[in-house]
Structures are given as structure tokens and as C-alpha cells.
Protein backbone atom coordinates (compact mmCIF):
# COMPACT_ATOMS: atom_id res chain seq x y z
CA UNK A 1 10.24 -28.87 -0.19
CA UNK A 2 11.88 -28.97 3.25
CA UNK A 3 15.38 -28.01 4.32
CA UNK A 4 17.43 -30.67 6.11
CA UNK A 5 20.87 -30.29 7.69
CA UNK A 6 23.27 -33.15 8.17
CA UNK A 7 25.90 -32.91 10.90
CA UNK A 8 28.86 -35.28 10.46
CA UNK A 9 31.62 -35.90 13.02
CA UNK A 10 34.15 -38.67 13.34
CA UNK A 11 31.66 -41.21 14.74
CA UNK A 12 28.19 -40.54 13.38
CA UNK A 13 25.92 -38.45 11.16
CA UNK A 14 22.90 -36.63 12.60
CA UNK A 15 19.97 -35.47 10.47
CA UNK A 16 18.10 -32.31 11.47
CA UNK A 17 15.01 -30.62 10.07
CA UNK A 18 14.94 -26.81 10.13
CA UNK A 19 11.76 -24.78 9.84
CA UNK A 20 10.99 -21.21 10.90
CA UNK A 21 13.93 -20.94 13.30
CA UNK A 22 13.45 -24.36 14.92
CA UNK A 23 15.83 -27.33 14.67
CA UNK A 24 14.65 -30.84 15.41
CA UNK A 25 16.81 -33.97 15.29
CA UNK A 26 15.19 -36.56 13.03
CA UNK A 27 17.63 -39.49 13.16
CA UNK A 28 21.22 -40.37 14.06
CA UNK A 29 23.29 -42.83 11.98
CA UNK A 30 26.49 -44.49 13.18
CA UNK A 31 29.49 -44.70 10.88
CA UNK A 32 29.07 -48.38 10.02
CA UNK A 33 27.20 -50.52 7.51
CA UNK A 34 24.01 -50.51 9.53
CA UNK A 35 24.11 -46.72 9.83
CA UNK A 36 24.73 -46.29 6.11
CA UNK A 37 21.79 -48.59 5.33
CA UNK A 38 19.58 -46.60 7.68
CA UNK A 39 20.72 -43.37 6.02
CA UNK A 40 19.73 -44.77 2.62
CA UNK A 41 16.29 -45.64 3.99
CA UNK A 42 16.04 -42.14 5.50
CA UNK A 43 16.75 -40.46 2.14
CA UNK A 44 14.26 -42.52 0.11
CA UNK A 45 11.11 -40.45 0.90
CA UNK A 46 13.00 -37.13 0.86
CA UNK A 47 14.32 -37.00 -2.70
CA UNK A 48 12.51 -33.70 -3.34
CA UNK A 49 13.98 -31.95 -0.28
CA UNK A 50 17.16 -29.92 -0.02
CA UNK A 51 20.16 -30.90 2.14
CA UNK A 52 23.31 -29.23 3.45
CA UNK A 53 26.19 -31.07 5.15
CA UNK A 54 28.04 -29.54 8.12
CA UNK A 55 31.32 -31.30 8.96
CA UNK A 56 33.28 -31.27 12.21
CA UNK A 57 36.42 -33.40 11.76
CA UNK A 58 40.04 -33.00 12.74
CA UNK A 59 41.28 -33.66 9.20
CA UNK A 60 40.90 -30.06 8.04
CA UNK A 61 43.81 -28.11 6.59
CA UNK A 62 44.42 -24.41 5.98
CA UNK A 63 47.19 -22.77 3.96
CA UNK A 64 47.94 -19.20 2.90
CA UNK A 65 49.06 -18.45 -0.64
CA UNK A 66 49.81 -15.37 -2.72
CA UNK A 67 49.18 -15.48 -6.45
CA UNK A 68 49.59 -12.90 -9.22
CA UNK A 69 46.63 -10.80 -10.27
CA UNK A 70 44.66 -13.05 -12.65
CA UNK A 71 41.11 -13.40 -13.92
CA UNK A 72 38.92 -16.10 -15.38
CA UNK A 73 40.23 -19.49 -16.40
CA UNK A 74 43.88 -18.62 -15.66
CA UNK A 75 43.08 -17.81 -12.03
CA UNK A 76 40.99 -20.99 -11.65
CA UNK A 77 43.76 -23.15 -13.11
CA UNK A 78 46.40 -21.62 -10.83
CA UNK A 79 44.22 -22.07 -7.71
CA UNK A 80 43.54 -25.70 -8.67
CA UNK A 81 47.28 -26.33 -8.97
CA UNK A 82 47.98 -24.69 -5.60
CA UNK A 83 45.29 -26.79 -3.91
CA UNK A 84 46.77 -29.93 -5.45
CA UNK A 85 50.21 -29.01 -4.12
CA UNK A 86 48.96 -28.24 -0.61
CA UNK A 87 46.39 -30.99 -0.07
CA UNK A 88 47.48 -33.79 -2.44
CA UNK A 89 44.53 -33.28 -4.78
CA UNK A 90 41.69 -33.57 -2.23
CA UNK A 91 38.39 -33.07 -4.10
CA UNK A 92 36.86 -31.35 -1.04
CA UNK A 93 38.74 -28.05 -1.16
CA UNK A 94 38.03 -24.37 -1.62
CA UNK A 95 39.83 -21.04 -1.95
CA UNK A 96 38.80 -17.83 -0.18
CA UNK A 97 40.12 -14.49 -1.35
CA UNK A 98 41.62 -12.34 1.42
CA UNK A 99 42.06 -9.25 -0.73
CA UNK A 100 44.96 -7.79 -2.69
CA UNK A 101 48.33 -6.52 -1.67
CA UNK A 102 48.72 -2.76 -1.89
CA UNK A 103 51.66 -2.59 -4.25
CA UNK A 104 52.26 -2.24 -7.94
CA UNK A 105 51.82 -5.96 -8.71
CA UNK A 106 48.52 -6.16 -6.85
CA UNK A 107 49.01 -9.81 -5.83
CA UNK A 108 45.98 -11.65 -4.46
CA UNK A 109 46.10 -13.25 -1.01
CA UNK A 110 44.25 -16.57 -0.71
CA UNK A 111 43.24 -18.88 2.11
CA UNK A 112 43.18 -22.46 0.85
CA UNK A 113 41.09 -24.89 2.92
CA UNK A 114 40.39 -28.59 2.46
CA UNK A 115 38.94 -31.61 4.17
CA UNK A 116 42.03 -33.79 3.94
CA UNK A 117 40.31 -37.12 4.62
CA UNK A 118 37.64 -37.35 1.87
CA UNK A 119 37.36 -41.11 2.43
CA UNK A 120 35.51 -40.40 5.69
CA UNK A 121 32.81 -38.46 3.80
CA UNK A 122 32.67 -40.55 0.65
CA UNK A 123 30.23 -43.29 1.88
CA UNK A 124 27.72 -40.66 2.93
CA UNK A 125 28.16 -38.67 -0.28
CA UNK A 126 27.64 -41.81 -2.34
CA UNK A 127 24.29 -42.42 -0.63
CA UNK A 128 23.26 -38.82 -1.26
CA UNK A 129 24.18 -39.08 -4.93
CA UNK A 130 22.45 -42.46 -5.35
CA UNK A 131 19.24 -41.03 -3.85
CA UNK A 132 19.51 -38.05 -6.27
CA UNK A 133 18.83 -35.55 -3.52
CA UNK A 134 19.81 -31.89 -3.83
CA UNK A 135 23.01 -31.27 -1.83
CA UNK A 136 23.49 -27.51 -1.55
CA UNK A 137 27.03 -27.77 -0.22
CA UNK A 138 29.52 -29.14 2.29
CA UNK A 139 30.56 -26.74 5.05
CA UNK A 140 32.90 -26.83 8.04
CA UNK A 141 32.20 -25.60 11.57
CA UNK A 142 35.35 -23.48 11.35
CA UNK A 143 33.81 -21.49 8.48
CA UNK A 144 30.94 -20.27 10.64
CA UNK A 145 32.91 -18.93 13.60
CA UNK A 146 33.39 -15.45 12.13
CA UNK A 147 29.72 -15.32 11.09
CA UNK A 148 28.67 -16.21 14.65
CA UNK A 149 30.68 -13.34 16.15
CA UNK A 150 29.42 -10.95 13.48
CA UNK A 151 25.77 -11.82 14.17
CA UNK A 152 26.42 -11.26 17.90
CA UNK A 153 28.16 -7.93 17.26
CA UNK A 154 31.56 -9.16 18.52
CA UNK A 155 33.62 -9.42 15.32
CA UNK A 156 36.61 -7.30 14.45
CA UNK A 157 40.38 -7.62 14.61
CA UNK A 158 42.20 -10.77 15.73
CA UNK A 159 40.49 -13.16 18.11
CA UNK A 160 40.09 -16.78 19.23
CA UNK A 161 36.77 -18.63 19.28
CA UNK A 162 36.43 -21.74 21.46
CA UNK A 163 33.37 -23.98 21.44
CA UNK A 164 32.55 -27.53 22.43
CA UNK A 165 31.77 -29.87 19.53
CA UNK A 166 31.04 -33.53 20.24
CA UNK A 167 33.83 -34.79 22.54
CA UNK A 168 36.33 -32.11 21.60
CA UNK A 169 37.05 -28.41 21.76
CA UNK A 170 37.04 -26.51 18.47
CA UNK A 171 39.62 -23.68 18.47
CA UNK A 172 39.48 -21.16 15.63
CA UNK A 173 41.77 -18.20 14.97
CA UNK A 174 39.92 -15.31 13.26
CA UNK A 175 41.10 -12.11 11.61
CA UNK A 176 38.32 -9.59 10.90
CA UNK A 177 35.78 -12.42 10.98
CA UNK A 178 37.70 -14.61 8.53
CA UNK A 179 38.97 -18.01 9.66
CA UNK A 180 42.78 -18.27 9.33
CA UNK A 181 43.37 -21.42 11.35
CA UNK A 182 41.29 -24.02 13.17
CA UNK A 183 41.94 -27.25 15.04
CA UNK A 184 40.24 -29.75 17.37
CA UNK A 185 41.51 -30.70 20.83
CA UNK A 186 40.24 -33.87 22.55
CA UNK A 187 38.15 -33.47 25.69
CA UNK A 188 39.28 -36.03 28.28
CA UNK A 189 36.98 -34.86 31.10
CA UNK A 190 33.36 -34.01 30.19
CA UNK A 191 32.47 -32.61 33.62
CA UNK A 192 31.89 -28.89 34.03
CA UNK A 193 35.26 -28.45 35.74
CA UNK A 194 36.98 -30.52 33.06
CA UNK A 195 35.39 -28.48 30.27
CA UNK A 196 36.42 -25.20 31.94
CA UNK A 197 40.02 -26.31 32.47
CA UNK A 198 40.24 -27.59 28.86
CA UNK A 199 39.06 -24.22 27.56
CA UNK A 200 41.76 -22.45 29.61
CA UNK A 201 44.51 -24.86 28.57
CA UNK A 202 43.56 -24.81 24.88
CA UNK A 203 43.53 -20.99 24.81
CA UNK A 204 47.05 -20.88 26.22
CA UNK A 205 48.38 -23.52 23.80
CA UNK A 206 46.87 -21.88 20.75
CA UNK A 207 48.20 -18.49 21.85
CA UNK A 208 51.74 -19.85 22.03
CA UNK A 209 51.32 -21.55 18.64
CA UNK A 210 50.20 -18.32 16.99
CA UNK A 211 53.17 -16.45 18.47
CA UNK A 212 55.52 -19.17 17.24
CA UNK A 213 54.05 -18.94 13.74
CA UNK A 214 54.40 -15.14 13.91
CA UNK A 215 50.71 -14.70 13.24
CA UNK A 216 50.47 -12.39 16.26
CA UNK A 217 52.99 -10.41 18.30
CA UNK A 218 54.11 -11.41 21.79
CA UNK A 219 52.77 -8.20 23.30
CA UNK A 220 49.58 -8.14 21.24
CA UNK A 221 46.32 -8.45 23.15
CA UNK A 222 44.14 -11.33 21.95
CA UNK A 223 40.45 -11.64 22.95
CA UNK A 224 39.21 -15.19 23.49
CA UNK A 225 35.46 -15.86 22.97
CA UNK A 226 34.05 -19.00 24.64
CA UNK A 227 30.59 -20.32 23.76
CA UNK A 228 29.05 -22.37 26.61
CA UNK A 229 25.79 -23.33 28.30
CA UNK A 230 24.56 -20.89 30.99
CA UNK A 231 25.05 -23.52 33.72
CA UNK A 232 28.76 -23.81 32.82
CA UNK A 233 29.57 -20.11 32.60
CA UNK A 234 30.38 -19.57 36.36
CA UNK A 235 32.95 -22.40 36.36
CA UNK A 236 34.53 -21.18 33.10
CA UNK A 237 34.66 -17.60 34.36
CA UNK A 238 36.46 -18.79 37.50
CA UNK A 239 38.90 -21.00 35.58
CA UNK A 240 39.63 -18.53 32.77
CA UNK A 241 40.54 -15.16 34.29
CA UNK A 242 42.25 -12.60 32.08
CA UNK A 243 45.97 -13.21 32.07
CA UNK A 244 48.79 -11.70 30.07
CA UNK A 245 47.63 -10.85 26.56
CA UNK A 246 44.56 -13.13 26.78
CA UNK A 247 41.22 -11.55 27.68
CA UNK A 248 38.35 -14.02 28.00
CA UNK A 249 34.78 -13.12 26.95
CA UNK A 250 32.01 -15.62 27.63
CA UNK A 251 29.06 -16.11 25.30
CA UNK A 252 25.84 -17.51 26.78
CA UNK A 253 24.59 -20.05 24.21
CA UNK A 254 20.94 -19.36 25.13
CA UNK A 255 21.40 -15.61 24.76
CA UNK A 256 23.16 -16.18 21.45
CA UNK A 257 20.30 -18.41 20.26
CA UNK A 258 17.82 -15.64 21.04
CA UNK A 259 19.84 -13.06 19.10
CA UNK A 260 20.16 -15.41 16.13
CA UNK A 261 16.44 -16.25 16.09
CA UNK A 262 16.90 -19.91 17.06
CA UNK A 263 13.81 -21.10 18.93
CA UNK A 264 15.43 -24.35 20.15
CA UNK A 265 18.52 -23.30 22.15
CA UNK A 266 21.27 -25.84 22.98
CA UNK A 267 20.45 -28.23 25.81
CA UNK A 268 24.10 -28.55 26.90
CA UNK A 269 27.54 -27.15 26.09
CA UNK A 270 27.51 -28.48 22.52
CA UNK A 271 27.23 -25.61 20.03
CA UNK A 272 26.20 -27.76 17.07
CA UNK A 273 22.68 -26.33 16.77
CA UNK A 274 24.00 -22.75 16.78
CA UNK A 275 26.21 -23.41 13.78
CA UNK A 276 23.52 -25.34 11.92
CA UNK A 277 21.10 -22.48 12.46
CA UNK A 278 23.71 -20.06 11.08
CA UNK A 279 24.09 -22.33 8.09
CA UNK A 280 20.32 -22.23 7.56
CA UNK A 281 19.96 -18.44 7.72
CA UNK A 282 23.25 -17.28 6.15
CA UNK A 283 25.19 -20.00 4.38
CA UNK A 284 28.72 -18.94 3.30
CA UNK A 285 29.33 -18.47 -0.39
CA UNK A 286 32.37 -20.76 -0.30
CA UNK A 287 31.94 -24.48 0.36
CA UNK A 288 33.89 -27.73 -0.09
CA UNK A 289 31.63 -29.70 -2.46
CA UNK A 290 32.56 -29.84 -6.14
CA UNK A 291 30.19 -29.75 -9.09
CA UNK A 292 29.81 -33.53 -9.11
CA UNK A 293 28.43 -33.50 -5.57
CA UNK A 294 26.10 -30.58 -6.38
CA UNK A 295 24.80 -31.92 -9.71
CA UNK A 296 21.34 -32.76 -8.41
CA UNK A 297 21.22 -29.46 -6.54
CA UNK A 298 21.68 -27.59 -9.83
CA UNK A 299 19.00 -29.73 -11.43
CA UNK A 300 16.71 -28.92 -8.52
CA UNK A 301 17.29 -25.21 -8.99
CA UNK A 302 16.54 -25.48 -12.70
CA UNK A 303 13.41 -27.50 -11.96
CA UNK A 304 12.17 -24.98 -9.42
CA UNK A 305 12.98 -22.11 -11.78
CA UNK A 306 10.90 -23.76 -14.50
CA UNK A 307 8.06 -24.37 -12.07
CA UNK A 308 8.24 -20.74 -10.94
CA UNK A 309 8.23 -19.56 -14.56
CA UNK A 310 5.23 -21.80 -15.24
CA UNK A 311 3.39 -20.41 -12.23
CA UNK A 312 4.14 -16.87 -13.35
CA UNK A 313 2.87 -17.69 -16.84
CA UNK A 314 -0.23 -19.32 -15.35
CA UNK A 315 -0.88 -16.33 -13.12
CA UNK A 316 -0.38 -13.97 -16.06
CA UNK A 317 -2.82 -16.02 -18.13
CA UNK A 318 -5.32 -15.99 -15.29
CA UNK A 319 -5.03 -12.22 -14.94
CA UNK A 320 -5.37 -11.76 -18.70
CA UNK A 321 -8.41 -14.05 -18.77
CA UNK A 322 -9.94 -12.13 -15.88
CA UNK A 323 -9.38 -8.85 -17.72
CA UNK A 324 -10.90 -10.28 -20.90
CA UNK A 325 -13.90 -11.55 -18.94
CA UNK A 326 -14.33 -8.15 -17.32
CA UNK A 327 -14.10 -6.40 -20.70
CA UNK A 328 -16.61 -8.84 -22.19
CA UNK A 329 -18.97 -8.22 -19.27
CA UNK A 330 -18.62 -4.47 -19.74
CA UNK A 331 -19.30 -4.79 -23.48
CA UNK A 332 -22.38 -6.93 -22.81
CA UNK A 333 -23.71 -4.31 -20.41
CA UNK A 334 -22.99 -1.56 -22.94
CA UNK A 335 -24.74 -3.56 -25.69
CA UNK A 336 -27.75 -4.08 -23.43
CA UNK A 337 -27.82 -0.37 -22.63
CA UNK A 338 -27.63 0.53 -26.34
CA UNK A 339 -30.36 -1.98 -27.15
CA UNK A 340 -32.58 -0.49 -24.48
CA UNK A 341 -31.84 3.02 -25.73
CA UNK A 342 -32.60 1.99 -29.31
CA UNK A 343 -35.89 0.48 -28.24
CA UNK A 344 -36.78 3.64 -26.33
CA UNK A 345 -35.91 5.86 -29.33
CA UNK A 346 -37.96 3.66 -31.69
CA UNK A 347 -40.88 3.89 -29.29
CA UNK A 348 -40.61 7.67 -29.18
CA UNK A 349 -40.34 7.79 -32.99
CA UNK A 350 -43.47 5.74 -33.37
CA UNK A 351 -45.27 7.99 -30.89
CA UNK A 352 -44.20 11.13 -32.76
CA UNK A 353 -44.96 9.57 -36.17
CA UNK A 354 -48.45 8.66 -35.05
CA UNK A 355 -49.25 12.35 -34.50
CA UNK A 356 -48.18 13.37 -38.05
CA UNK A 357 -50.40 13.26 -41.15
CA UNK A 358 -50.22 9.93 -42.88
CA UNK A 359 -48.72 9.79 -46.40
CA UNK A 360 -49.69 7.38 -49.15
CA UNK A 361 -46.09 6.26 -49.69
CA UNK A 362 -44.02 3.95 -47.60
CA UNK A 363 -40.77 4.88 -45.85
CA UNK A 364 -38.47 3.40 -48.51
CA UNK A 365 -40.12 5.36 -51.31
CA UNK A 366 -40.05 8.53 -49.24
CA UNK A 367 -36.36 8.01 -48.54
CA UNK A 368 -35.66 7.59 -52.26
CA UNK A 369 -37.56 10.77 -53.08
CA UNK A 370 -35.70 12.83 -50.50
CA UNK A 371 -32.38 11.42 -51.70
CA UNK A 372 -33.22 12.31 -55.32
CA UNK A 373 -34.32 15.79 -54.30
CA UNK A 374 -30.98 16.33 -52.55
CA UNK A 375 -29.14 15.25 -55.70
CA UNK A 376 -31.18 17.62 -57.89
CA UNK A 377 -30.60 20.49 -55.47
CA UNK A 378 -26.89 19.82 -55.62
CA UNK A 379 -26.97 19.92 -59.43
CA UNK A 380 -28.55 23.39 -59.55
CA UNK A 381 -25.81 25.93 -60.13
CA UNK A 382 -25.93 29.50 -61.44
CA UNK A 383 -23.56 31.15 -63.96
CA UNK A 384 -23.03 34.11 -61.68
CA UNK A 385 -19.47 33.25 -60.48
CA UNK A 386 -18.28 32.54 -64.03
CA UNK A 387 -19.85 35.72 -65.43
CA UNK A 388 -18.35 37.74 -62.60
CA UNK A 389 -14.90 36.36 -63.42
CA UNK A 390 -15.29 37.32 -67.11
CA UNK A 391 -16.57 40.75 -66.15
CA UNK A 392 -13.52 41.43 -63.95
CA UNK A 393 -11.20 40.39 -66.77
CA UNK A 394 -13.00 42.73 -69.26
CA UNK A 395 -12.61 45.65 -66.87
CA UNK A 396 -8.85 45.07 -66.78
CA UNK A 397 -8.67 45.06 -70.64
CA UNK A 398 -11.17 47.73 -71.95
CA UNK A 399 -10.06 47.30 -75.57
CA UNK A 400 -11.84 43.95 -75.73
CA UNK A 401 -15.43 43.91 -76.93
CA UNK A 402 -17.56 41.01 -75.75
CA UNK A 403 -19.62 39.53 -78.58
CA UNK A 404 -21.21 36.53 -76.85
CA UNK A 405 -20.92 34.41 -73.73
CA UNK A 406 -22.22 30.86 -73.40
CA UNK A 407 -22.51 29.00 -70.06
CA UNK A 408 -23.48 25.37 -69.48
CA UNK A 409 -23.42 23.07 -66.45
CA UNK A 410 -22.11 19.58 -67.22
CA UNK A 411 -23.01 17.97 -63.88
CA UNK A 412 -23.36 14.17 -63.51
CA UNK A 413 -26.81 12.62 -63.51
CA UNK A 414 -25.63 9.40 -61.95
CA UNK A 415 -23.04 8.60 -59.25
CA UNK A 416 -19.53 7.91 -60.47
CA UNK A 417 -19.43 10.44 -63.39
CA UNK A 418 -16.79 12.59 -61.74
CA UNK A 419 -15.18 13.82 -64.98
CA UNK A 420 -18.41 15.57 -66.13
CA UNK A 421 -18.96 17.53 -62.91
CA UNK A 422 -17.89 20.92 -64.28
CA UNK A 423 -19.04 24.34 -65.58
CA UNK A 424 -18.08 25.40 -69.12
CA UNK A 425 -18.10 29.06 -70.16
CA UNK A 426 -17.31 30.00 -73.78
CA UNK A 427 -16.39 33.64 -74.31
CA UNK A 428 -16.36 35.15 -77.82
CA UNK A 429 -15.01 38.64 -78.33
CA UNK A 430 -12.99 40.96 -80.54
CA UNK A 431 -10.15 43.44 -80.15
CA UNK A 432 -10.49 46.68 -82.13
CA UNK A 433 -7.72 49.33 -82.29
CA UNK A 434 -7.31 52.40 -84.42
CA UNK A 435 -3.98 51.17 -85.63
CA UNK A 436 -3.68 47.46 -85.47
CA UNK A 437 -0.29 46.13 -84.50
CA UNK A 438 -0.23 42.33 -84.16
CA UNK A 439 2.07 42.25 -81.20
CA UNK A 440 0.01 44.81 -79.31
CA UNK A 441 -3.20 42.90 -80.06
CA UNK A 442 -1.66 39.67 -78.89
CA UNK A 443 -0.39 41.39 -75.72
CA UNK A 444 -3.90 42.60 -74.88
CA UNK A 445 -5.25 39.11 -75.52
CA UNK A 446 -2.65 37.53 -73.27
CA UNK A 447 -3.51 40.03 -70.49
CA UNK A 448 -7.15 39.04 -70.82
CA UNK A 449 -6.34 35.32 -70.59
CA UNK A 450 -4.08 35.97 -67.59
CA UNK A 451 -6.90 37.83 -65.83
CA UNK A 452 -9.17 34.83 -66.23
CA UNK A 453 -6.81 32.60 -64.17
CA UNK A 454 -8.34 33.66 -60.89
CA UNK A 455 -9.43 30.49 -59.12
CA UNK A 456 -7.97 27.02 -58.46
CA UNK A 457 -9.46 24.07 -60.33
CA UNK A 458 -10.05 26.16 -63.44
CA UNK A 459 -8.53 25.64 -66.89
CA UNK A 460 -8.44 28.06 -69.88
CA UNK A 461 -8.48 26.80 -73.45
CA UNK A 462 -7.97 29.23 -76.35
CA UNK A 463 -10.09 27.98 -79.23
CA UNK A 464 -9.39 30.96 -81.54
CA UNK A 465 -6.66 33.58 -81.25
CA UNK A 466 -6.85 37.12 -82.73
CA UNK A 467 -4.17 36.14 -85.24
CA UNK A 468 -3.51 32.76 -86.72
CA UNK A 469 0.16 32.22 -86.05
CA UNK A 470 1.97 29.43 -87.83
CA UNK A 471 5.42 28.17 -86.79
CA UNK A 472 8.17 29.95 -88.69
CA UNK A 473 5.98 32.86 -89.91
CA UNK A 474 6.61 36.49 -88.94
CA UNK A 475 4.11 39.01 -87.66
CA UNK A 476 3.61 42.11 -89.89
CA UNK A 477 1.40 45.12 -89.64
CA UNK A 478 -1.47 45.72 -92.09
CA UNK A 479 -1.00 47.54 -95.39
CA UNK A 480 -4.24 49.41 -95.50
CA UNK A 481 -6.61 51.36 -93.29
CA UNK A 482 -9.43 48.86 -93.85
CA UNK A 483 -7.39 46.08 -92.53
CA UNK A 484 -6.30 48.19 -89.53
CA UNK A 485 -9.91 48.87 -88.57
CA UNK A 486 -10.96 45.24 -88.89
CA UNK A 487 -11.69 43.68 -85.42
CA UNK A 488 -9.67 40.67 -84.36
CA UNK A 489 -11.98 37.99 -83.01
CA UNK A 490 -11.12 35.29 -80.50
CA UNK A 491 -12.81 32.44 -78.62
CA UNK A 492 -11.85 31.23 -75.10
CA UNK A 493 -13.25 28.24 -73.21
CA UNK A 494 -13.24 28.39 -69.38
CA UNK A 495 -13.74 25.13 -67.52
CA UNK A 496 -14.34 25.09 -63.74
CA UNK A 497 -14.23 21.68 -62.11
CA UNK A 498 -16.19 20.94 -58.92
CA UNK A 499 -15.31 18.32 -56.38
CA UNK A 500 -18.12 15.92 -55.46
């Protein structure tokens, strides 16, 4: 996609190509049927390129307005109505904000600008729309005067900018780099002396006009910047000495082109290429074209955004694929290394195994035997921990006499029998007191059972208590000495569960 700049004056349209700071004129089309036909032929192979239109015509109006502080649709509607009142509804109009007044209402100051003869541009715009080319915007030479001075480090305050455009002198009044007023004066004499005298005369006329409009004071100093070819500067300097409140400052067009980065400086006094280069490197935000004129430009931006998104997605996919390929390569190398290591270990195993005595069983049978041996070893438990627990409980309750103790290991003989993996200890004993009191006997028995609760995963089951107690019955002491001396027997089952 290339960038093209169209320069339109009252007589013809010139097409320029801009690339890397160089401007080259491609074709020139006269403002007649033949020129319009040639322009249509010129656009045919360039439908994918981007265009911008720079206009230099006398039919350009400027008006200052003050509106209340508004936002959004209300502000847009009010500006549209003001433009319609000032320029009779010209579709080629724009509004530039000049800031807000410093008072309580905070009114906004606007500069309304319009190309008041849209019929002059319409044939060219129709060809651009029919070719479906991307028109970025329509701009005026007067818009770029403040930008030119700013790029050259000369902006600030109130000033006049004079330049030669086509067969006329463009005079622009600037305030802090913003165009407030601009007009074109015809150039009757195109000689160097005629150009110099026209610059001097136009500066004086515009100065008097600004004083009459009360845009500047009578005693206010006004700098006048003149853009001209180096060969013309001596004559202009002689014809335009500082006088009164006017102080003339000459701008060498070749020096200006160097500062702006333009590699094709103007060949004569015409400053067209300077302004087109400014448009290429720093186009103003405001422009005259409406949304209808810029429809294909918006489509072009959407198309390029989609293409850019597709390229980003493609690049991301390529990077992801590259990473996956790298990871796969690394995994293959790791697998090869593990395979080589496994082969080396098997070789060493075979070498070591060859030095050992040979058995009459194969490896699978030997593996089964060792697995079974491990299971049998795991099943071998001793009653020591259970007996120790019972012994500690008997020491805490000396009145209990142990009659018998039975221990058995209910371990599983096959995998999956988790409920049978436990030790069972059955303790049988008796409580003998000189004077048997049921509550005291039961208290000693409860102390014994409490002492047995010493480890987690263990449960105590009382199979026989010293006294058979039925619900609702009362405990009474014995009536005779024989009954008092009779031992009270009990049976307790201790179950210790083991995790696999």
C-alpha cells in the first residue's frame, strides 16, 4: 500500500507519490472532462492505496463562535447548526476547539472553517468514491501554516505567514500556531521583483484588515514570515524592510525542507511540496471530509486491522508450533537417552547375574516366592504389645486377679480382607474384696476398662461384667459372709486393628 497526495487548486489537480521523505509528481489533470477521465484511469490500478487531498482555493471561510459547555450529541448538534448558519450547509466543514473561557459558564470558543464551493471538489470526489479508494481526508493549505512554523521552531503568539501557491499569495493569520484567518491574493507579476512587491503589499493590506477587525491592536508588533526560494530571498529582503509594527522574517524553502526531512526541496517559489510533506508526516486531526467521503477509508482500516490480526495469529501459531516441535525433539532425545540407559542397565544386570549361582526356578516363580515370603513376614505378629497393655492396667487396679488371657491374630490370608486384619485379646479375671459392695466392685472394673484404652485404633468390648445389671433393678450388698467372699468374674475383649 502506497501513500498518494492530491493537490487541487482552481485550475487542475496534481497527483504526488510520497515515500521515505521524497515527493514525486505522478500526473497532472486539468479541470475539464478530459482531465476527469484521465483521473479515473489513474485511480484504476491504485484502489488498494491510500489518498489524501490538499486544497488551495479562494472559497474558504472562517468564523468564530462561542457555545455553551456541552458534551456528546448535544455539542455535535449545536456545532452542526452553527456551521449551517455560517456556511449555508456546506458538507465540507469542520470545527476546531480554541479552548474555554475562564469564567463561571465555561463557554467553549470554536473556529468554524468550510470550503464554501463544494461544487468545485465534487467531480473529483465522485471519481474517488467510484474507484472505492481510501480517502483519508480533505485538508486546506491554511491548516498547515501553524504546523510549518512549529516544526521550524518559529511558532508562538500572533503572526502572519505568506507563501506562494500556484499563481497567488496565500496569507494566513495565526495565533499560537492556530489559523484564525486566511485568504488568497492574485499574483499579477510572476517575476522575482513582482513576487517581492506582492509580498510587501499583501502584508500591509492584511495588517490593516486585522486592525480594522480589532483582531490586533494598532501599536501591537506583528511578525511576518515569508516562505520563498533561496534565489528570491535577496529581492524580498530588499523590498520588505521592517516598518512600523511589521517585522519581516524570511524562511529559506530549502533550509525548511532539510529541517522537515523532505529530500526533494521546492524547485521554485511554490511551497506546495512543503505543505504536502507536512501532511504526510503530521496530518491534522481536523479535516473537511465527512463520513460519506471517508467510507472506503474506514473499510480500509478495518481490512488492514483484520489482516494485522491474522498475521499476529499466524505468527503466534508459528511460534507455538516451533515450541511444540522443540519440546517434541527434547522428549525424543530424552526417550533415546532413557532407552540407552535401560539397555546399559540390562547389560550390567546380565553380566552380574551370570556370575551368580544358577537356580532351578525361573524369574517369575522366584518373584512369586519372594512376594509370598514378604506377605508371610508381614503376618507374623507377637502378643507382646497386647500383653504389656493388660499388664499395665492390672498394675493400676491390684484388686483384680487375672484368671486367663487369650490372644489370637486374625490377619488376612488374601488381599482385600481388610476387616480381618486385627489382633484379639480376651481377658478373663475376677475381683475379690473382703467386703463386697457392688458399686465399689463396679468402680474398680470401670477403672480397669479405662486403663485399657491406651492406644488409637483399639476397641474394648465387655463380654461379662462382675454383676449382671438389668434395667430398673437396684444394686444391694450381700446378706452373708459367703457371698461377700465370692469373687466377681468378668470377661473383656480387646480388639486392635492394623492398617494395611
